[in-house]
Amino acid sequence: MLVIVCSLAFYHYNREVNYRSANIISQLKLIANRLIDGYEQDRDIDGYLEFFKRYYENNSLDELIVKIYDSNDSLIYSLGEEYLVSHTDKTKNIQEFQTTSLDGNLTVYAAMPNTTTFSKTFSADTSFWVIMSLFVLATLVSAFISTRLLSRNVIMLKQFADSVSSNNTDNITIPEFPHDELGDISRRIVQLYRSRIDSAARSERDHAVALNAIKEKTLVKKQLTNNINHELKTPIGVIKGYIETILANPDMDDDTRTRFLTRASENIERLVRLLSDVSEITRLEDGGQIPVEDVDFHELVFTLDNDIIDAGMAGDMTFSYSLPANCHVKGNGGLLSGMLANLVKNAALHSKGKNMGLRLVVETPRFYTFAFYDDGVGVNPQNLSRIFERFYREDSGRSRKVGGTGLGLPIVKNTVEAHGGTISAHNRSMGGLEFMFTLPKWDPEESISDNDDEKNKEN
């Protein structure tokens, strides 16, 4: 920048010198031509010389030299320094011009020596140097400020890049960039870096959650497999024992043989129920889309009530229900019927009560909330949070005697959640256990929309 400014100043200096030199030559030419014109018009040349001397006194040509020679090269008139005795004298320090009359009898030589007077004349004009000095100073100050601001942004950006390259995101410092164009660009770079880090962190978290979900699902399946193996061993062992005993004693009396076969048959039924429950819960836990339709829940419970009576599903307990006639849910009728049957069987096997029932608790624009209850002994409060676990039994010995598989309530929970609802259990203040669960209401408008979609697919 300084080189450019100095070059510009030097250029303007030379330009000013050339201009002033040309101006002096022009004036010298004017003087010589006037004298020649005066001679040719037969005028008084001395008068011209006195005029020039007075006119240029105390200005740029106050040391004017004018010499007039005749045809013999003899000096006729002279103005100025006497050291220039002949127009044939040449020097590099002379601004000069000469001309000759048309008849060749008169030669005028006008000159201006480069003495201190000419130098003072040029240097006396200080405005040029003042302006150039101010311009150079302003340029240097501006360049210093701009360079300082630019280097400040670059230094801060380099510090940020160094902290990023250390791969220690906890110790990264974000500088306070100035509010200029480069500072805005630097802040944009920092913003892009932060977005990249946040995106990578979210991706890492999602990956960790997915891995954890896979591990949990694998662990659950492993536990389920182990529990199934454990549960299968008991009925299979009992069946095997009874059959081997019968085969080993061909002379066994009919009553004993019948009793052993009956016990073996009961364990076969238990094994069938267990396999059926395992198949059901596996299907629900696979997360597949279950087919849903408009289910008249009142009609479904009415049918179930008849089945409970015919099959003796409730044992010695009495089942009742209180539901509005126009109670339609969005669900799978078979799964919902199986869910309620499991609740009935659970109450009959474990509650030790006399009554069980189902009632509508509350209705919202989207969901129904139902309660299934009994008046039995309830569940130990410490075990309430575990009753939906697979193969969990509060009293495993008693549960096996009454024929429970340990999968009934997990099937209930999975069925409700597969329908988009929730379920919880608590002990009633008046005695017994109560299950609160929600099911989505059927929306007729949704049915119309689904039918339109099907028609569009067919078309």
Protein backbone atom coordinates (compact mmCIF):
# COMPACT_ATOMS: atom_id res chain seq x y z
CA MET A 1 0.00 0.00 0.00
CA LEU A 2 2.82 2.42 0.90
CA VAL A 3 4.59 1.67 -2.40
CA ILE A 4 1.45 2.50 -4.33
CA VAL A 5 0.96 5.77 -2.46
CA CYS A 6 4.61 6.79 -2.94
CA SER A 7 4.44 5.94 -6.64
CA LEU A 8 1.31 8.04 -6.98
CA ALA A 9 2.97 10.97 -5.19
CA PHE A 10 6.07 10.69 -7.39
CA TYR A 11 3.90 10.64 -10.50
CA HIS A 12 2.02 13.76 -9.44
CA TYR A 13 5.30 15.49 -8.53
CA ASN A 14 6.81 14.86 -11.96
CA ARG A 15 3.58 15.89 -13.58
CA GLU A 16 3.63 19.20 -11.66
CA VAL A 17 7.30 19.82 -12.55
CA ASN A 18 6.64 19.16 -16.23
CA TYR A 19 3.61 21.41 -16.15
CA ARG A 20 5.50 24.30 -14.57
CA SER A 21 8.43 23.81 -16.96
CA ALA A 22 6.06 23.86 -19.93
CA ASN A 23 4.41 26.99 -18.55
CA ILE A 24 7.77 28.78 -18.26
CA ILE A 25 8.74 27.76 -21.80
CA SER A 26 5.37 29.07 -23.00
CA GLN A 27 5.99 32.43 -21.35
CA LEU A 28 9.52 32.60 -22.70
CA LYS A 29 8.17 31.88 -26.16
CA LEU A 30 5.54 34.63 -25.71
CA ILE A 31 8.25 37.16 -24.72
CA ALA A 32 10.56 36.31 -27.64
CA ASN A 33 7.71 36.42 -30.17
CA ARG A 34 6.53 39.80 -28.84
CA LEU A 35 10.01 41.26 -29.26
CA ILE A 36 10.27 39.90 -32.82
CA ASP A 37 6.81 41.31 -33.59
CA GLY A 38 7.90 44.70 -32.19
CA TYR A 39 11.04 44.69 -34.30
CA GLU A 40 9.16 43.74 -37.46
CA GLN A 41 6.60 46.47 -36.74
CA ASP A 42 9.43 48.93 -36.00
CA ARG A 43 8.50 49.52 -32.38
CA ASP A 44 10.68 50.46 -29.41
CA ILE A 45 12.21 47.21 -28.10
CA ASP A 46 13.57 48.91 -24.96
CA GLY A 47 10.03 49.73 -23.98
CA TYR A 48 9.10 46.05 -24.32
CA LEU A 49 12.08 45.01 -22.18
CA GLU A 50 11.18 47.50 -19.42
CA PHE A 51 7.59 46.23 -19.50
CA PHE A 52 8.67 42.59 -19.17
CA LYS A 53 11.03 43.45 -16.32
CA ARG A 54 8.31 45.25 -14.35
CA TYR A 55 5.62 42.66 -15.17
CA TYR A 56 7.63 39.61 -14.09
CA GLU A 57 9.24 41.23 -11.08
CA ASN A 58 8.73 39.25 -7.82
CA ASN A 59 7.09 36.29 -9.57
CA SER A 60 8.19 33.09 -11.19
CA LEU A 61 10.20 34.95 -13.90
CA ASP A 62 11.88 37.61 -11.74
CA GLU A 63 15.27 36.30 -12.96
CA LEU A 64 14.25 36.52 -16.62
CA ILE A 65 17.14 36.69 -19.10
CA VAL A 66 16.54 38.22 -22.52
CA LYS A 67 19.34 38.68 -25.07
CA ILE A 68 18.92 40.22 -28.54
CA TYR A 69 21.53 39.63 -31.20
CA ASP A 70 21.97 41.03 -34.67
CA SER A 71 22.87 39.11 -37.76
CA ASN A 72 26.54 39.22 -36.81
CA ASP A 73 25.79 37.55 -33.52
CA SER A 74 26.54 40.76 -31.67
CA LEU A 75 24.59 41.55 -28.48
CA ILE A 76 22.25 44.47 -29.04
CA TYR A 77 19.99 44.46 -26.00
CA SER A 78 20.24 42.58 -22.71
CA LEU A 79 17.98 41.95 -19.73
CA GLY A 80 18.99 39.84 -16.80
CA GLU A 81 22.21 38.25 -15.62
CA GLU A 82 25.34 39.27 -17.41
CA TYR A 83 27.04 35.88 -17.11
CA LEU A 84 25.06 34.65 -20.13
CA VAL A 85 27.03 36.51 -22.81
CA SER A 86 26.03 34.50 -25.83
CA HIS A 87 22.97 32.61 -26.92
CA THR A 88 25.35 29.85 -27.92
CA ASP A 89 25.96 29.03 -24.24
CA LYS A 90 23.98 25.93 -23.34
CA THR A 91 23.43 24.43 -19.93
CA LYS A 92 21.19 21.79 -18.57
CA ASN A 93 20.02 24.17 -15.87
CA ILE A 94 18.42 26.62 -18.32
CA GLN A 95 14.79 26.92 -19.42
CA GLU A 96 15.23 28.63 -22.81
CA PHE A 97 13.61 29.64 -26.10
CA GLN A 98 15.01 31.55 -29.08
CA THR A 99 13.53 32.83 -32.34
CA THR A 100 14.75 34.84 -35.36
CA SER A 101 12.98 37.52 -37.37
CA LEU A 102 11.85 36.86 -40.89
CA ASP A 103 14.68 38.91 -42.37
CA GLY A 104 17.26 37.11 -40.28
CA ASN A 105 18.70 40.36 -38.85
CA LEU A 106 17.44 39.90 -35.29
CA THR A 107 17.61 36.91 -32.97
CA VAL A 108 15.89 36.91 -29.55
CA TYR A 109 17.03 34.53 -26.85
CA ALA A 110 14.78 34.24 -23.75
CA ALA A 111 15.86 32.06 -20.83
CA MET A 112 15.20 31.31 -17.19
CA PRO A 113 18.03 29.85 -15.08
CA ASN A 114 17.29 27.01 -12.63
CA THR A 115 18.62 29.05 -9.76
CA THR A 116 17.31 29.27 -6.23
CA THR A 117 14.59 31.58 -7.45
CA PHE A 118 13.06 28.89 -9.68
CA SER A 119 13.39 26.26 -6.92
CA LYS A 120 11.72 28.57 -4.43
CA THR A 121 9.00 29.26 -6.91
CA PHE A 122 8.20 25.59 -7.17
CA SER A 123 8.66 24.77 -3.49
CA ALA A 124 6.68 27.79 -2.41
CA ASP A 125 3.50 25.96 -3.52
CA THR A 126 3.18 23.78 -0.39
CA SER A 127 -0.49 22.89 -0.89
CA PHE A 128 0.45 19.92 -3.08
CA TRP A 129 2.75 18.48 -0.44
CA VAL A 130 0.27 19.12 2.36
CA ILE A 131 -2.48 17.35 0.44
CA MET A 132 -0.23 14.46 -0.49
CA SER A 133 1.02 14.16 3.09
CA LEU A 134 -2.51 14.08 4.45
CA PHE A 135 -3.50 11.56 1.80
CA VAL A 136 -0.54 9.32 2.67
CA LEU A 137 -1.27 9.62 6.38
CA ALA A 138 -4.98 8.85 5.90
CA THR A 139 -4.11 5.89 3.68
CA LEU A 140 -1.66 4.50 6.21
CA VAL A 141 -4.11 4.93 9.10
CA SER A 142 -6.91 3.32 7.10
CA ALA A 143 -4.66 0.46 6.04
CA PHE A 144 -3.51 -0.03 9.64
CA ILE A 145 -7.08 -0.12 10.98
CA SER A 146 -8.31 -2.43 8.20
CA THR A 147 -5.35 -4.75 8.59
CA ARG A 148 -5.80 -4.81 12.35
CA LEU A 149 -9.50 -5.67 12.06
CA LEU A 150 -8.80 -8.29 9.39
CA SER A 151 -5.98 -9.85 11.36
CA ARG A 152 -8.12 -9.85 14.51
CA ASN A 153 -10.87 -11.84 12.78
CA VAL A 154 -8.33 -14.20 11.23
CA ILE A 155 -6.57 -14.75 14.58
CA MET A 156 -9.86 -15.48 16.39
CA LEU A 157 -10.99 -17.79 13.59
CA LYS A 158 -7.64 -19.61 13.78
CA GLN A 159 -8.02 -20.01 17.56
CA PHE A 160 -11.47 -21.47 17.04
CA ALA A 161 -10.13 -23.84 14.35
CA ASP A 162 -7.32 -24.94 16.69
CA SER A 163 -9.79 -25.69 19.49
CA VAL A 164 -12.00 -27.63 17.06
CA SER A 165 -9.08 -29.64 15.72
CA SER A 166 -8.25 -30.78 19.26
CA ASN A 167 -11.41 -32.99 19.10
CA ASN A 168 -12.30 -31.90 22.64
CA THR A 169 -15.77 -30.43 22.20
CA ASP A 170 -16.06 -29.65 25.91
CA ASN A 171 -13.22 -27.09 25.81
CA ILE A 172 -14.12 -25.32 22.57
CA THR A 173 -14.23 -21.54 23.05
CA ILE A 174 -16.40 -19.38 20.80
CA PRO A 175 -14.74 -15.95 20.26
CA GLU A 176 -16.72 -12.72 20.19
CA PHE A 177 -16.28 -11.85 16.54
CA PRO A 178 -16.63 -8.14 15.54
CA HIS A 179 -19.83 -7.00 13.87
CA ASP A 180 -18.43 -6.62 10.38
CA GLU A 181 -18.61 -8.63 7.16
CA LEU A 182 -15.78 -11.00 8.06
CA GLY A 183 -17.15 -11.33 11.59
CA ASP A 184 -20.56 -12.31 10.16
CA ILE A 185 -18.88 -14.93 7.97
CA SER A 186 -16.96 -16.26 11.00
CA ARG A 187 -20.15 -16.49 13.06
CA ARG A 188 -21.82 -18.35 10.19
CA ILE A 189 -18.93 -20.84 10.16
CA VAL A 190 -19.32 -21.34 13.92
CA GLN A 191 -23.08 -21.80 13.49
CA LEU A 192 -22.55 -24.44 10.80
CA TYR A 193 -20.06 -26.22 13.07
CA ARG A 194 -22.51 -26.18 15.98
CA SER A 195 -25.27 -27.55 13.75
CA ARG A 196 -22.94 -30.33 12.60
CA ILE A 197 -21.99 -31.19 16.20
CA ASP A 198 -25.64 -31.16 17.34
CA SER A 199 -26.63 -33.35 14.38
CA ALA A 200 -23.84 -35.80 15.16
CA ALA A 201 -24.85 -35.84 18.84
CA ARG A 202 -28.49 -36.50 17.96
CA SER A 203 -27.46 -39.25 15.57
CA GLU A 204 -25.28 -40.80 18.24
CA ARG A 205 -28.10 -40.63 20.80
CA ASP A 206 -30.59 -42.14 18.36
CA HIS A 207 -28.08 -44.87 17.53
CA ALA A 208 -27.57 -45.57 21.24
CA VAL A 209 -31.34 -45.69 21.82
CA ALA A 210 -31.78 -48.06 18.88
CA LEU A 211 -28.97 -50.31 20.13
CA ASN A 212 -30.45 -50.29 23.61
CA ALA A 213 -33.89 -51.16 22.22
CA ILE A 214 -32.37 -54.04 20.23
CA LYS A 215 -30.52 -55.28 23.31
CA GLU A 216 -33.66 -55.06 25.44
CA LYS A 217 -35.72 -56.85 22.81
CA THR A 218 -33.07 -59.56 22.54
CA LEU A 219 -32.96 -59.86 26.33
CA VAL A 220 -36.75 -60.05 26.54
CA LYS A 221 -36.85 -62.78 23.90
CA LYS A 222 -34.09 -64.65 25.69
CA GLN A 223 -35.93 -64.38 28.99
CA LEU A 224 -39.16 -65.43 27.32
CA THR A 225 -37.43 -68.45 25.80
CA ASN A 226 -35.91 -69.41 29.14
CA ASN A 227 -39.25 -68.96 30.92
CA ILE A 228 -41.05 -71.00 28.26
CA ASN A 229 -38.50 -73.79 28.62
CA HIS A 230 -38.94 -73.70 32.37
CA GLU A 231 -42.74 -73.67 32.15
CA LEU A 232 -42.79 -76.50 29.61
CA LYS A 233 -40.65 -78.76 31.77
CA THR A 234 -43.28 -79.07 34.52
CA PRO A 235 -46.30 -80.34 32.50
CA ILE A 236 -44.09 -82.43 30.21
CA GLY A 237 -42.37 -83.99 33.22
CA VAL A 238 -45.70 -84.73 34.87
CA ILE A 239 -47.14 -86.26 31.67
CA LYS A 240 -43.99 -88.31 31.13
CA GLY A 241 -44.04 -89.54 34.71
CA TYR A 242 -47.67 -90.65 34.66
CA ILE A 243 -47.36 -92.41 31.28
CA GLU A 244 -44.14 -94.19 32.27
CA THR A 245 -45.76 -95.31 35.52
CA ILE A 246 -48.75 -96.70 33.68
CA LEU A 247 -46.53 -98.48 31.15
CA ALA A 248 -44.35 -99.91 33.90
CA ASN A 249 -47.36 -101.30 35.79
CA PRO A 250 -49.60 -103.22 33.35
CA ASP A 251 -51.49 -104.76 36.29
CA MET A 252 -52.43 -101.30 37.69
CA ASP A 253 -56.04 -101.16 38.84
CA ASP A 254 -58.51 -99.23 36.71
CA ASP A 255 -59.14 -96.44 39.23
CA THR A 256 -55.44 -95.62 39.59
CA ARG A 257 -54.86 -95.80 35.83
CA THR A 258 -57.86 -93.50 35.26
CA ARG A 259 -56.58 -91.04 37.88
CA PHE A 260 -53.09 -91.00 36.29
CA LEU A 261 -54.49 -90.52 32.80
CA THR A 262 -56.75 -87.73 34.07
CA ARG A 263 -53.75 -85.94 35.62
CA ALA A 264 -51.78 -86.40 32.40
CA SER A 265 -54.70 -85.02 30.40
CA GLU A 266 -54.93 -81.96 32.68
CA ASN A 267 -51.24 -81.24 32.13
CA ILE A 268 -51.68 -81.68 28.39
CA GLU A 269 -54.44 -79.05 28.52
CA ARG A 270 -52.13 -76.80 30.52
CA LEU A 271 -49.42 -77.33 27.90
CA VAL A 272 -51.85 -76.47 25.10
CA ARG A 273 -52.91 -73.27 26.90
CA LEU A 274 -49.29 -72.31 27.45
CA LEU A 275 -48.39 -72.78 23.78
CA SER A 276 -51.48 -70.85 22.74
CA ASP A 277 -50.61 -67.97 25.07
CA VAL A 278 -46.99 -67.94 23.88
CA SER A 279 -48.16 -67.73 20.28
CA GLU A 280 -50.55 -64.91 21.13
CA ILE A 281 -48.05 -62.77 23.04
CA THR A 282 -45.37 -63.31 20.40
CA ARG A 283 -47.75 -62.11 17.71
CA LEU A 284 -48.61 -59.00 19.73
CA GLU A 285 -45.00 -58.16 20.58
CA ASP A 286 -43.87 -58.36 16.96
CA GLY A 287 -45.54 -54.98 16.53
CA GLY A 288 -47.41 -55.85 13.36
CA GLN A 289 -50.42 -53.82 12.30
CA ILE A 290 -53.56 -55.46 13.66
CA PRO A 291 -56.73 -55.27 11.55
CA VAL A 292 -59.34 -53.02 13.19
CA GLU A 293 -63.00 -52.37 12.59
CA ASP A 294 -66.09 -50.95 14.23
CA VAL A 295 -66.61 -53.19 17.28
CA ASP A 296 -69.88 -53.00 19.19
CA PHE A 297 -68.31 -53.38 22.64
CA HIS A 298 -71.66 -53.84 24.38
CA GLU A 299 -72.55 -56.70 22.03
CA LEU A 300 -69.06 -58.22 22.45
CA VAL A 301 -69.36 -58.24 26.27
CA PHE A 302 -72.91 -59.60 26.07
CA THR A 303 -71.66 -62.54 24.00
CA LEU A 304 -68.72 -63.06 26.35
CA ASP A 305 -71.09 -63.15 29.34
CA ASN A 306 -72.97 -66.05 27.77
CA ASP A 307 -69.70 -67.87 27.01
CA ILE A 308 -68.55 -67.39 30.61
CA ILE A 309 -71.73 -69.00 31.88
CA ASP A 310 -71.67 -71.87 29.36
CA ALA A 311 -67.98 -72.69 29.84
CA GLY A 312 -67.87 -72.04 33.58
CA MET A 313 -65.00 -69.62 32.95
CA ALA A 314 -65.74 -67.54 36.08
CA GLY A 315 -65.75 -70.56 38.42
CA ASP A 316 -67.68 -69.78 41.57
CA MET A 317 -67.67 -66.04 40.89
CA THR A 318 -70.42 -63.96 39.30
CA PHE A 319 -69.66 -61.74 36.30
CA SER A 320 -71.67 -58.53 35.60
CA TYR A 321 -71.26 -55.51 33.38
CA SER A 322 -72.56 -51.95 33.01
CA LEU A 323 -72.04 -50.49 29.55
CA PRO A 324 -74.11 -48.12 27.39
CA ALA A 325 -75.89 -49.75 24.47
CA ASN A 326 -74.20 -47.45 21.91
CA CYS A 327 -70.56 -48.18 22.81
CA HIS A 328 -68.47 -48.65 19.68
CA VAL A 329 -64.67 -49.00 19.80
CA LYS A 330 -62.02 -49.09 17.09
CA GLY A 331 -60.43 -52.51 17.49
CA ASN A 332 -60.06 -56.17 16.73
CA GLY A 333 -63.01 -58.14 18.06
CA GLY A 334 -61.11 -61.41 18.52
CA LEU A 335 -58.25 -59.79 20.45
CA LEU A 336 -60.60 -57.76 22.64
CA SER A 337 -62.68 -60.83 23.46
CA GLY A 338 -59.52 -62.76 24.36
CA MET A 339 -58.30 -59.88 26.52
CA LEU A 340 -61.55 -59.79 28.56
CA ALA A 341 -61.50 -63.59 28.84
CA ASN A 342 -58.00 -63.42 30.33
CA LEU A 343 -59.16 -60.84 32.89
CA VAL A 344 -62.07 -63.10 33.84
CA LYS A 345 -59.82 -66.16 34.16
CA ASN A 346 -57.25 -64.21 36.21
CA ALA A 347 -59.93 -63.08 38.65
CA ALA A 348 -61.42 -66.58 38.88
CA LEU A 349 -58.01 -68.17 39.52
CA HIS A 350 -56.42 -65.67 41.92
CA SER A 351 -58.87 -63.18 43.46
CA LYS A 352 -60.71 -65.54 45.88
CA GLY A 353 -63.69 -63.23 45.58
CA LYS A 354 -67.33 -63.71 44.77
CA ASN A 355 -67.99 -61.02 42.19
CA MET A 356 -66.28 -59.50 39.18
CA GLY A 357 -67.48 -56.92 36.69
CA LEU A 358 -66.82 -54.48 33.86
CA ARG A 359 -68.08 -50.89 33.75
CA LEU A 360 -67.56 -47.69 31.73
CA VAL A 361 -65.79 -45.07 33.84
CA VAL A 362 -65.50 -42.02 31.57
CA GLU A 363 -65.89 -41.07 27.91
CA THR A 364 -63.84 -38.45 26.02
CA PRO A 365 -64.10 -37.39 22.35
CA ARG A 366 -61.47 -39.99 21.40
CA PHE A 367 -61.36 -42.69 24.10
CA TYR A 368 -63.44 -44.82 26.44
CA THR A 369 -62.05 -45.64 29.89
CA PHE A 370 -63.22 -48.98 31.35
CA ALA A 371 -62.69 -50.65 34.72
CA PHE A 372 -62.55 -54.43 35.32
CA TYR A 373 -62.77 -55.24 39.02
CA ASP A 374 -63.26 -58.00 41.55
CA ASP A 375 -63.97 -58.09 45.28
CA GLY A 376 -61.20 -60.53 46.21
CA VAL A 377 -58.02 -60.25 48.24
CA GLY A 378 -56.18 -57.94 45.85
CA VAL A 379 -52.42 -57.96 45.33
CA ASN A 380 -49.56 -57.13 47.65
CA PRO A 381 -48.76 -53.46 46.96
CA GLN A 382 -45.08 -54.35 46.54
CA ASN A 383 -46.00 -56.67 43.66
CA LEU A 384 -48.49 -54.44 41.80
CA SER A 385 -45.81 -53.07 39.46
CA ARG A 386 -44.86 -56.62 38.37
CA ILE A 387 -48.20 -58.23 37.64
CA PHE A 388 -47.87 -57.54 33.89
CA GLU A 389 -44.49 -59.29 33.68
CA ARG A 390 -44.33 -62.56 31.76
CA PHE A 391 -44.59 -65.69 33.93
CA TYR A 392 -44.72 -63.58 37.09
CA ARG A 393 -46.79 -65.14 39.87
CA GLU A 394 -47.31 -63.62 43.28
CA ASP A 395 -47.58 -67.14 44.67
CA SER A 396 -46.02 -69.39 42.06
CA GLY A 397 -46.87 -72.60 43.84
CA ARG A 398 -50.54 -71.72 44.24
CA SER A 399 -50.75 -70.38 40.68
CA ARG A 400 -49.47 -73.60 39.18
CA LYS A 401 -52.01 -75.56 41.24
CA VAL A 402 -54.87 -73.47 39.86
CA GLY A 403 -53.49 -73.78 36.32
CA GLY A 404 -52.22 -70.29 35.50
CA THR A 405 -49.64 -69.95 32.69
CA GLY A 406 -48.24 -66.59 33.84
CA LEU A 407 -48.97 -65.01 30.43
CA GLY A 408 -52.60 -63.92 30.81
CA LEU A 409 -52.00 -60.39 32.11
CA PRO A 410 -49.05 -59.70 29.74
CA ILE A 411 -51.39 -60.63 26.88
CA VAL A 412 -54.00 -58.22 28.29
CA LYS A 413 -51.44 -55.38 28.47
CA ASN A 414 -50.10 -56.03 24.96
CA THR A 415 -53.61 -56.18 23.52
CA VAL A 416 -54.58 -52.81 25.03
CA GLU A 417 -51.35 -51.17 23.85
CA ALA A 418 -51.73 -52.67 20.38
CA HIS A 419 -55.05 -50.81 20.17
CA GLY A 420 -53.38 -47.53 21.17
CA GLY A 421 -54.66 -47.57 24.76
CA THR A 422 -53.14 -47.77 28.24
CA ILE A 423 -53.75 -50.03 31.25
CA SER A 424 -52.93 -49.90 34.96
CA ALA A 425 -53.88 -51.85 38.09
CA HIS A 426 -54.57 -50.85 41.69
CA ASN A 427 -56.11 -52.32 44.82
CA ARG A 428 -59.63 -51.14 45.58
CA SER A 429 -60.31 -49.45 48.92
CA MET A 430 -63.28 -51.79 49.49
CA GLY A 431 -61.19 -54.85 48.65
CA GLY A 432 -60.15 -56.55 45.48
CA LEU A 433 -58.19 -55.58 42.37
CA GLU A 434 -59.20 -53.13 39.62
CA PHE A 435 -57.77 -52.75 36.11
CA MET A 436 -58.27 -49.38 34.39
CA PHE A 437 -57.82 -49.45 30.62
CA THR A 438 -58.62 -47.21 27.64
CA LEU A 439 -59.74 -48.09 24.11
CA PRO A 440 -60.14 -45.72 21.12
CA LYS A 441 -63.65 -44.79 20.02
CA TRP A 442 -64.83 -45.62 16.53
CA ASP A 443 -65.00 -42.56 14.26
CA PRO A 444 -67.57 -42.89 11.46
CA GLU A 445 -65.81 -40.14 9.47
CA GLU A 446 -62.63 -42.20 9.50
CA SER A 447 -64.56 -45.13 8.08
CA ILE A 448 -65.80 -42.99 5.17
CA SER A 449 -62.24 -41.77 4.50
CA ASP A 450 -60.90 -45.34 4.50
CA ASN A 451 -63.59 -46.45 2.05
CA ASP A 452 -62.72 -43.58 -0.29
CA ASP A 453 -59.05 -44.57 -0.16
CA GLU A 454 -59.92 -48.15 -1.05
CA LYS A 455 -62.01 -47.01 -4.02
CA ASN A 456 -59.16 -44.80 -5.24
CA LYS A 457 -56.76 -47.74 -5.04
CA GLU A 458 -59.14 -49.94 -7.03
CA ASN A 459 -59.53 -47.25 -9.70
